[in-house]
């Protein structure tokens, strides 16, 4: 019997310590940041469709949910398009990185943009201690048109707990190779100063994405993020050059 048990233990995919840690609720890995998955292509496809440069994808799947007894479509892109007025000038990148969308509890109350901005010394990264034991602040209400406006709200995460965005759905385009229009439309969707609610906020109907990109003055912090996004490509190119 001992031999059988030892043979089974050696063939097991998970060791005893790993199983025990899982049952106790202990994490199986540790990181210095909290990661958030972002399907970046859906945002880019939306702005391209808005300016008439592409047709809606008829095969795109839609997730359905319930809101006050009604069946409503659920799409992360609606969280940004109908974001509260408090975040009207935020870039898509900052909105995804600095906020959470949470369901309302019975004791929750919405905070208006006027109340949030009543303190002139409070910056975007500073949030009041409405919930001392939470990572987020009081919720702000979506604009009319969001299917979950009455049941969910947007919270600002504390500065120490901002997300690290993990872009999935394909590798983001690079500036030095490939389709220039795709790169420019992606960067404008992510980092356009003042944000956007419609594709026409990023470019004119008969303007190219490259021309619109050249006319925009991006924040220095966003320019650095763009450079960092291309760092992997530069490392791979350097490896190939010197291998």
C-alpha atoms as a PDB file:
ATOM      1  CA  UNK A   1       0.000   0.000   0.000  1.00  0.00           C
ATOM      2  CA  UNK A   2       2.851   2.389   0.823  1.00  0.00           C
ATOM      3  CA  UNK A   3       4.352   1.790  -2.609  1.00  0.00           C
ATOM      4  CA  UNK A   4       1.019   2.488  -4.273  1.00  0.00           C
ATOM      5  CA  UNK A   5       0.575   5.730  -2.319  1.00  0.00           C
ATOM      6  CA  UNK A   6       4.106   6.849  -3.162  1.00  0.00           C
ATOM      7  CA  UNK A   7       3.551   6.042  -6.840  1.00  0.00           C
ATOM      8  CA  UNK A   8       0.297   8.020  -6.875  1.00  0.00           C
ATOM      9  CA  UNK A   9       1.896  10.966  -5.071  1.00  0.00           C
ATOM     10  CA  UNK A  10       4.747  11.073  -7.576  1.00  0.00           C
ATOM     11  CA  UNK A  11       2.321  11.110 -10.493  1.00  0.00           C
ATOM     12  CA  UNK A  12       0.066  13.762  -9.026  1.00  0.00           C
ATOM     13  CA  UNK A  13      -0.073  17.076 -10.903  1.00  0.00           C
ATOM     14  CA  UNK A  14      -0.415  19.086  -7.685  1.00  0.00           C
ATOM     15  CA  UNK A  15       1.668  18.598  -4.581  1.00  0.00           C
ATOM     16  CA  UNK A  16       0.323  18.468  -1.061  1.00  0.00           C
ATOM     17  CA  UNK A  17       1.554  21.966  -0.107  1.00  0.00           C
ATOM     18  CA  UNK A  18      -0.100  23.475  -3.194  1.00  0.00           C
ATOM     19  CA  UNK A  19      -3.420  21.776  -2.444  1.00  0.00           C
ATOM     20  CA  UNK A  20      -3.275  22.852   1.198  1.00  0.00           C
ATOM     21  CA  UNK A  21      -2.538  26.452   0.227  1.00  0.00           C
ATOM     22  CA  UNK A  22      -5.514  26.424  -2.178  1.00  0.00           C
ATOM     23  CA  UNK A  23      -7.881  25.042   0.457  1.00  0.00           C
ATOM     24  CA  UNK A  24      -6.714  27.680   2.941  1.00  0.00           C
ATOM     25  CA  UNK A  25      -7.304  30.446   0.401  1.00  0.00           C
ATOM     26  CA  UNK A  26      -3.640  31.430   0.188  1.00  0.00           C
ATOM     27  CA  UNK A  27      -2.423  32.918  -3.118  1.00  0.00           C
ATOM     28  CA  UNK A  28      -0.313  30.758  -5.387  1.00  0.00           C
ATOM     29  CA  UNK A  29       1.792  33.664  -6.617  1.00  0.00           C
ATOM     30  CA  UNK A  30       2.730  37.175  -5.564  1.00  0.00           C
ATOM     31  CA  UNK A  31       3.151  40.272  -7.707  1.00  0.00           C
ATOM     32  CA  UNK A  32       4.000  43.894  -7.055  1.00  0.00           C
ATOM     33  CA  UNK A  33       0.894  45.054  -8.934  1.00  0.00           C
ATOM     34  CA  UNK A  34      -2.740  44.208  -9.631  1.00  0.00           C
ATOM     35  CA  UNK A  35      -3.375  43.290 -13.267  1.00  0.00           C
ATOM     36  CA  UNK A  36      -6.493  44.071 -15.302  1.00  0.00           C
ATOM     37  CA  UNK A  37      -7.324  42.374 -18.601  1.00  0.00           C
ATOM     38  CA  UNK A  38      -8.242  44.799 -21.405  1.00  0.00           C
ATOM     39  CA  UNK A  39      -9.614  43.697 -24.783  1.00  0.00           C
ATOM     40  CA  UNK A  40      -8.181  46.669 -26.629  1.00  0.00           C
ATOM     41  CA  UNK A  41      -9.474  45.767 -30.102  1.00  0.00           C
ATOM     42  CA  UNK A  42     -13.114  46.335 -29.131  1.00  0.00           C
ATOM     43  CA  UNK A  43     -12.401  49.989 -28.309  1.00  0.00           C
ATOM     44  CA  UNK A  44     -10.456  50.556 -31.517  1.00  0.00           C
ATOM     45  CA  UNK A  45     -13.139  48.832 -33.603  1.00  0.00           C
ATOM     46  CA  UNK A  46     -15.773  51.081 -32.027  1.00  0.00           C
ATOM     47  CA  UNK A  47     -14.068  54.378 -32.937  1.00  0.00           C
ATOM     48  CA  UNK A  48     -13.360  53.140 -36.467  1.00  0.00           C
ATOM     49  CA  UNK A  49     -17.013  52.178 -36.930  1.00  0.00           C
ATOM     50  CA  UNK A  50     -18.145  55.549 -35.559  1.00  0.00           C
ATOM     51  CA  UNK A  51     -16.367  57.464 -38.333  1.00  0.00           C
ATOM     52  CA  UNK A  52     -17.675  55.110 -41.019  1.00  0.00           C
ATOM     53  CA  UNK A  53     -14.289  53.566 -41.779  1.00  0.00           C
ATOM     54  CA  UNK A  54     -15.551  50.050 -41.032  1.00  0.00           C
ATOM     55  CA  UNK A  55     -18.827  48.201 -40.853  1.00  0.00           C
ATOM     56  CA  UNK A  56     -20.073  46.623 -37.612  1.00  0.00           C
ATOM     57  CA  UNK A  57     -19.021  43.005 -37.215  1.00  0.00           C
ATOM     58  CA  UNK A  58     -22.208  40.866 -37.577  1.00  0.00           C
ATOM     59  CA  UNK A  59     -20.475  37.895 -35.919  1.00  0.00           C
ATOM     60  CA  UNK A  60     -19.547  39.795 -32.746  1.00  0.00           C
ATOM     61  CA  UNK A  61     -20.897  38.073 -29.641  1.00  0.00           C
ATOM     62  CA  UNK A  62     -22.889  39.994 -27.046  1.00  0.00           C
ATOM     63  CA  UNK A  63     -23.060  39.204 -23.348  1.00  0.00           C
ATOM     64  CA  UNK A  64     -26.507  39.701 -21.807  1.00  0.00           C
ATOM     65  CA  UNK A  65     -27.355  40.562 -18.220  1.00  0.00           C
ATOM     66  CA  UNK A  66     -30.267  41.610 -16.019  1.00  0.00           C
ATOM     67  CA  UNK A  67     -30.920  45.136 -14.796  1.00  0.00           C
ATOM     68  CA  UNK A  68     -34.078  45.765 -12.766  1.00  0.00           C
ATOM     69  CA  UNK A  69     -35.762  42.776 -14.380  1.00  0.00           C
ATOM     70  CA  UNK A  70     -34.854  43.730 -17.959  1.00  0.00           C
ATOM     71  CA  UNK A  71     -32.394  41.911 -20.230  1.00  0.00           C
ATOM     72  CA  UNK A  72     -29.640  44.339 -21.277  1.00  0.00           C
ATOM     73  CA  UNK A  73     -26.433  43.974 -23.331  1.00  0.00           C
ATOM     74  CA  UNK A  74     -23.237  44.124 -21.306  1.00  0.00           C
ATOM     75  CA  UNK A  75     -20.144  45.663 -22.897  1.00  0.00           C
ATOM     76  CA  UNK A  76     -17.106  47.098 -21.167  1.00  0.00           C
ATOM     77  CA  UNK A  77     -16.867  49.795 -23.805  1.00  0.00           C
ATOM     78  CA  UNK A  78     -20.142  51.280 -22.510  1.00  0.00           C
ATOM     79  CA  UNK A  79     -18.447  51.943 -19.175  1.00  0.00           C
ATOM     80  CA  UNK A  80     -16.154  54.424 -20.909  1.00  0.00           C
ATOM     81  CA  UNK A  81     -18.579  55.905 -23.435  1.00  0.00           C
ATOM     82  CA  UNK A  82     -21.179  56.613 -20.723  1.00  0.00           C
ATOM     83  CA  UNK A  83     -18.648  57.325 -17.968  1.00  0.00           C
ATOM     84  CA  UNK A  84     -19.732  59.823 -15.308  1.00  0.00           C
ATOM     85  CA  UNK A  85     -19.188  63.503 -15.965  1.00  0.00           C
ATOM     86  CA  UNK A  86     -16.520  63.430 -13.262  1.00  0.00           C
ATOM     87  CA  UNK A  87     -14.303  61.476 -15.693  1.00  0.00           C
ATOM     88  CA  UNK A  88     -15.289  63.269 -18.901  1.00  0.00           C
ATOM     89  CA  UNK A  89     -11.732  64.435 -19.669  1.00  0.00           C
ATOM     90  CA  UNK A  90      -9.976  61.193 -18.716  1.00  0.00           C
ATOM     91  CA  UNK A  91      -8.175  59.169 -21.359  1.00  0.00           C
ATOM     92  CA  UNK A  92      -9.292  55.597 -21.903  1.00  0.00           C
ATOM     93  CA  UNK A  93      -5.961  54.363 -20.527  1.00  0.00           C
ATOM     94  CA  UNK A  94      -6.359  56.289 -17.266  1.00  0.00           C
ATOM     95  CA  UNK A  95     -10.018  55.347 -16.892  1.00  0.00           C
ATOM     96  CA  UNK A  96      -9.202  51.637 -17.179  1.00  0.00           C
ATOM     97  CA  UNK A  97      -6.192  51.942 -14.909  1.00  0.00           C
ATOM     98  CA  UNK A  98      -7.640  54.087 -12.139  1.00  0.00           C
ATOM     99  CA  UNK A  99     -11.288  53.041 -11.798  1.00  0.00           C
ATOM    100  CA  UNK A 100     -13.528  50.124 -10.902  1.00  0.00           C
ATOM    101  CA  UNK A 101     -17.155  49.480 -11.796  1.00  0.00           C
ATOM    102  CA  UNK A 102     -19.038  48.044  -8.842  1.00  0.00           C
ATOM    103  CA  UNK A 103     -22.602  47.036  -8.107  1.00  0.00           C
ATOM    104  CA  UNK A 104     -24.519  49.318  -5.808  1.00  0.00           C
ATOM    105  CA  UNK A 105     -25.459  48.226  -2.324  1.00  0.00           C
ATOM    106  CA  UNK A 106     -28.567  49.411  -0.537  1.00  0.00           C
ATOM    107  CA  UNK A 107     -26.591  51.867   1.573  1.00  0.00           C
ATOM    108  CA  UNK A 108     -24.666  53.285  -1.397  1.00  0.00           C
ATOM    109  CA  UNK A 109     -25.339  56.808  -2.590  1.00  0.00           C
ATOM    110  CA  UNK A 110     -24.094  58.442  -5.752  1.00  0.00           C
ATOM    111  CA  UNK A 111     -21.674  61.326  -5.468  1.00  0.00           C
ATOM    112  CA  UNK A 112     -22.198  64.087  -7.956  1.00  0.00           C
ATOM    113  CA  UNK A 113     -19.371  65.649  -9.919  1.00  0.00           C
ATOM    114  CA  UNK A 114     -19.849  68.892  -8.003  1.00  0.00           C
ATOM    115  CA  UNK A 115     -19.412  67.184  -4.639  1.00  0.00           C
ATOM    116  CA  UNK A 116     -16.373  65.224  -5.747  1.00  0.00           C
ATOM    117  CA  UNK A 117     -14.672  68.307  -7.088  1.00  0.00           C
ATOM    118  CA  UNK A 118     -15.648  70.578  -4.207  1.00  0.00           C
ATOM    119  CA  UNK A 119     -12.112  70.479  -2.836  1.00  0.00           C
ATOM    120  CA  UNK A 120      -9.838  72.453  -5.202  1.00  0.00           C
ATOM    121  CA  UNK A 121      -6.747  70.822  -3.721  1.00  0.00           C
ATOM    122  CA  UNK A 122      -7.863  67.267  -4.563  1.00  0.00           C
ATOM    123  CA  UNK A 123      -6.213  65.804  -7.648  1.00  0.00           C
ATOM    124  CA  UNK A 124      -7.307  62.861  -9.784  1.00  0.00           C
ATOM    125  CA  UNK A 125      -5.131  60.497  -7.779  1.00  0.00           C
ATOM    126  CA  UNK A 126      -6.447  61.661  -4.409  1.00  0.00           C
ATOM    127  CA  UNK A 127      -9.687  60.160  -3.169  1.00  0.00           C
ATOM    128  CA  UNK A 128     -11.620  60.785   0.041  1.00  0.00           C
ATOM    129  CA  UNK A 129     -11.711  58.121   2.730  1.00  0.00           C
ATOM    130  CA  UNK A 130     -15.387  57.258   2.327  1.00  0.00           C
ATOM    131  CA  UNK A 131     -14.610  53.590   2.939  1.00  0.00           C
ATOM    132  CA  UNK A 132     -11.362  53.318   4.954  1.00  0.00           C
ATOM    133  CA  UNK A 133     -11.153  49.541   4.544  1.00  0.00           C
ATOM    134  CA  UNK A 134     -11.742  49.564   0.783  1.00  0.00           C
ATOM    135  CA  UNK A 135      -9.515  50.134  -2.224  1.00  0.00           C
ATOM    136  CA  UNK A 136     -12.068  52.442  -3.834  1.00  0.00           C
ATOM    137  CA  UNK A 137     -13.966  55.639  -3.076  1.00  0.00           C
ATOM    138  CA  UNK A 138     -17.654  56.562  -3.284  1.00  0.00           C
ATOM    139  CA  UNK A 139     -19.401  55.667  -6.539  1.00  0.00           C
ATOM    140  CA  UNK A 140     -20.220  58.089  -9.357  1.00  0.00           C
ATOM    141  CA  UNK A 141     -23.211  57.512 -11.631  1.00  0.00           C
ATOM    142  CA  UNK A 142     -23.041  56.614 -15.316  1.00  0.00           C
ATOM    143  CA  UNK A 143     -24.621  58.960 -17.849  1.00  0.00           C
ATOM    144  CA  UNK A 144     -28.026  58.241 -19.336  1.00  0.00           C
ATOM    145  CA  UNK A 145     -27.818  55.476 -21.912  1.00  0.00           C
ATOM    146  CA  UNK A 146     -25.757  53.024 -19.907  1.00  0.00           C
ATOM    147  CA  UNK A 147     -27.786  49.823 -19.377  1.00  0.00           C
ATOM    148  CA  UNK A 148     -26.523  49.464 -15.783  1.00  0.00           C
ATOM    149  CA  UNK A 149     -26.873  53.116 -14.783  1.00  0.00           C
ATOM    150  CA  UNK A 150     -29.301  52.409 -11.945  1.00  0.00           C
ATOM    151  CA  UNK A 151     -27.478  49.397 -10.513  1.00  0.00           C
ATOM    152  CA  UNK A 152     -23.746  50.108 -10.871  1.00  0.00           C
ATOM    153  CA  UNK A 153     -21.348  52.983 -10.250  1.00  0.00           C
ATOM    154  CA  UNK A 154     -17.744  53.996 -10.955  1.00  0.00           C
ATOM    155  CA  UNK A 155     -15.155  54.255  -8.187  1.00  0.00           C
ATOM    156  CA  UNK A 156     -11.635  55.676  -8.170  1.00  0.00           C
ATOM    157  CA  UNK A 157      -9.003  53.288  -6.889  1.00  0.00           C
ATOM    158  CA  UNK A 158      -6.511  54.526  -4.356  1.00  0.00           C
ATOM    159  CA  UNK A 159      -3.210  55.610  -5.860  1.00  0.00           C
ATOM    160  CA  UNK A 160      -1.277  52.680  -4.356  1.00  0.00           C
ATOM    161  CA  UNK A 161      -3.687  50.138  -5.885  1.00  0.00           C
ATOM    162  CA  UNK A 162      -3.947  51.289  -9.502  1.00  0.00           C
ATOM    163  CA  UNK A 163      -4.148  48.564 -12.127  1.00  0.00           C
ATOM    164  CA  UNK A 164      -1.433  47.363 -14.455  1.00  0.00           C
ATOM    165  CA  UNK A 165      -3.215  46.879 -17.769  1.00  0.00           C
ATOM    166  CA  UNK A 166      -2.798  43.561 -19.571  1.00  0.00           C
ATOM    167  CA  UNK A 167      -3.741  44.023 -23.235  1.00  0.00           C
ATOM    168  CA  UNK A 168      -5.192  40.847 -24.776  1.00  0.00           C
ATOM    169  CA  UNK A 169      -6.808  39.995 -28.083  1.00  0.00           C
ATOM    170  CA  UNK A 170      -3.650  40.348 -30.126  1.00  0.00           C
ATOM    171  CA  UNK A 171      -0.412  42.259 -29.847  1.00  0.00           C
ATOM    172  CA  UNK A 172      -0.868  46.053 -30.023  1.00  0.00           C
ATOM    173  CA  UNK A 173       0.502  47.521 -33.276  1.00  0.00           C
ATOM    174  CA  UNK A 174       3.964  49.023 -33.441  1.00  0.00           C
ATOM    175  CA  UNK A 175       4.847  52.443 -34.880  1.00  0.00           C
ATOM    176  CA  UNK A 176       7.759  51.447 -37.113  1.00  0.00           C
ATOM    177  CA  UNK A 177       6.245  48.458 -38.919  1.00  0.00           C
ATOM    178  CA  UNK A 178       2.869  47.262 -40.122  1.00  0.00           C
ATOM    179  CA  UNK A 179      -0.252  49.343 -40.695  1.00  0.00           C
ATOM    180  CA  UNK A 180       0.361  52.965 -39.703  1.00  0.00           C
ATOM    181  CA  UNK A 181      -3.358  53.700 -39.648  1.00  0.00           C
ATOM    182  CA  UNK A 182      -3.989  50.868 -37.192  1.00  0.00           C
ATOM    183  CA  UNK A 183      -1.255  52.110 -34.874  1.00  0.00           C
ATOM    184  CA  UNK A 184      -2.489  55.706 -34.926  1.00  0.00           C
ATOM    185  CA  UNK A 185      -6.122  54.745 -34.340  1.00  0.00           C
ATOM    186  CA  UNK A 186      -5.110  52.527 -31.411  1.00  0.00           C
ATOM    187  CA  UNK A 187      -2.971  55.173 -29.728  1.00  0.00           C
ATOM    188  CA  UNK A 188      -5.648  57.829 -30.227  1.00  0.00           C
ATOM    189  CA  UNK A 189      -8.280  55.555 -28.688  1.00  0.00           C
ATOM    190  CA  UNK A 190      -6.083  54.879 -25.660  1.00  0.00           C
ATOM    191  CA  UNK A 191      -4.398  58.230 -25.033  1.00  0.00           C
ATOM    192  CA  UNK A 192      -6.336  61.040 -26.732  1.00  0.00           C
ATOM    193  CA  UNK A 193      -6.224  64.086 -24.395  1.00  0.00           C
ATOM    194  CA  UNK A 194      -9.662  64.917 -23.099  1.00  0.00           C
ATOM    195  CA  UNK A 195     -10.975  61.440 -23.799  1.00  0.00           C
ATOM    196  CA  UNK A 196     -13.738  60.545 -26.251  1.00  0.00           C
ATOM    197  CA  UNK A 197     -17.305  59.308 -26.326  1.00  0.00           C
ATOM    198  CA  UNK A 198     -17.576  58.915 -30.096  1.00  0.00           C
ATOM    199  CA  UNK A 199     -15.080  58.218 -32.856  1.00  0.00           C
ATOM    200  CA  UNK A 200     -15.635  61.705 -34.279  1.00  0.00           C
ATOM    201  CA  UNK A 201     -14.026  63.103 -31.132  1.00  0.00           C
ATOM    202  CA  UNK A 202     -10.736  61.635 -32.395  1.00  0.00           C
ATOM    203  CA  UNK A 203     -10.746  62.559 -36.093  1.00  0.00           C
ATOM    204  CA  UNK A 204     -12.827  64.174 -38.792  1.00  0.00           C
ATOM    205  CA  UNK A 205     -14.813  62.014 -41.175  1.00  0.00           C
ATOM    206  CA  UNK A 206     -12.509  62.511 -44.173  1.00  0.00           C
ATOM    207  CA  UNK A 207      -9.271  62.750 -42.193  1.00  0.00           C
ATOM    208  CA  UNK A 208      -6.800  59.886 -41.928  1.00  0.00           C
ATOM    209  CA  UNK A 209      -5.876  58.430 -38.555  1.00  0.00           C
ATOM    210  CA  UNK A 210      -2.228  59.277 -39.204  1.00  0.00           C
ATOM    211  CA  UNK A 211      -3.062  62.940 -39.855  1.00  0.00           C
ATOM    212  CA  UNK A 212      -5.203  63.136 -36.732  1.00  0.00           C
ATOM    213  CA  UNK A 213      -2.421  61.511 -34.717  1.00  0.00           C
ATOM    214  CA  UNK A 214       0.146  64.068 -35.902  1.00  0.00           C
ATOM    215  CA  UNK A 215      -2.096  66.982 -34.858  1.00  0.00           C
ATOM    216  CA  UNK A 216      -2.566  65.800 -31.278  1.00  0.00           C
ATOM    217  CA  UNK A 217      -0.289  66.871 -28.432  1.00  0.00           C
ATOM    218  CA  UNK A 218      -0.221  63.949 -26.022  1.00  0.00           C
ATOM    219  CA  UNK A 219       0.643  64.233 -22.333  1.00  0.00           C
ATOM    220  CA  UNK A 220       4.292  63.472 -21.598  1.00  0.00           C
ATOM    221  CA  UNK A 221       3.341  60.558 -19.338  1.00  0.00           C
ATOM    222  CA  UNK A 222       1.254  59.008 -22.124  1.00  0.00           C
ATOM    223  CA  UNK A 223       4.085  59.445 -24.633  1.00  0.00           C
ATOM    224  CA  UNK A 224       6.337  57.506 -22.285  1.00  0.00           C
ATOM    225  CA  UNK A 225       3.770  54.704 -22.043  1.00  0.00           C
ATOM    226  CA  UNK A 226       3.652  54.523 -25.853  1.00  0.00           C
ATOM    227  CA  UNK A 227       7.425  54.159 -25.936  1.00  0.00           C
ATOM    228  CA  UNK A 228       7.310  51.474 -23.263  1.00  0.00           C
ATOM    229  CA  UNK A 229       4.703  49.532 -25.258  1.00  0.00           C
ATOM    230  CA  UNK A 230       7.214  49.310 -28.111  1.00  0.00           C
ATOM    231  CA  UNK A 231      10.047  48.231 -25.827  1.00  0.00           C
ATOM    232  CA  UNK A 232       9.380  44.505 -26.309  1.00  0.00           C
ATOM    233  CA  UNK A 233       9.678  44.871 -30.081  1.00  0.00           C
ATOM    234  CA  UNK A 234      12.939  46.772 -29.710  1.00  0.00           C
ATOM    235  CA  UNK A 235      14.368  44.050 -27.474  1.00  0.00           C
ATOM    236  CA  UNK A 236      13.369  41.323 -29.925  1.00  0.00           C
ATOM    237  CA  UNK A 237      14.893  43.270 -32.818  1.00  0.00           C
ATOM    238  CA  UNK A 238      18.125  43.746 -30.865  1.00  0.00           C
ATOM    239  CA  UNK A 239      18.257  40.032 -30.086  1.00  0.00           C
ATOM    240  CA  UNK A 240      17.858  39.172 -33.760  1.00  0.00           C
ATOM    241  CA  UNK A 241      20.479  41.729 -34.812  1.00  0.00           C
ATOM    242  CA  UNK A 242      23.153  40.389 -32.478  1.00  0.00           C
ATOM    243  CA  UNK A 243      22.314  36.684 -32.462  1.00  0.00           C
END
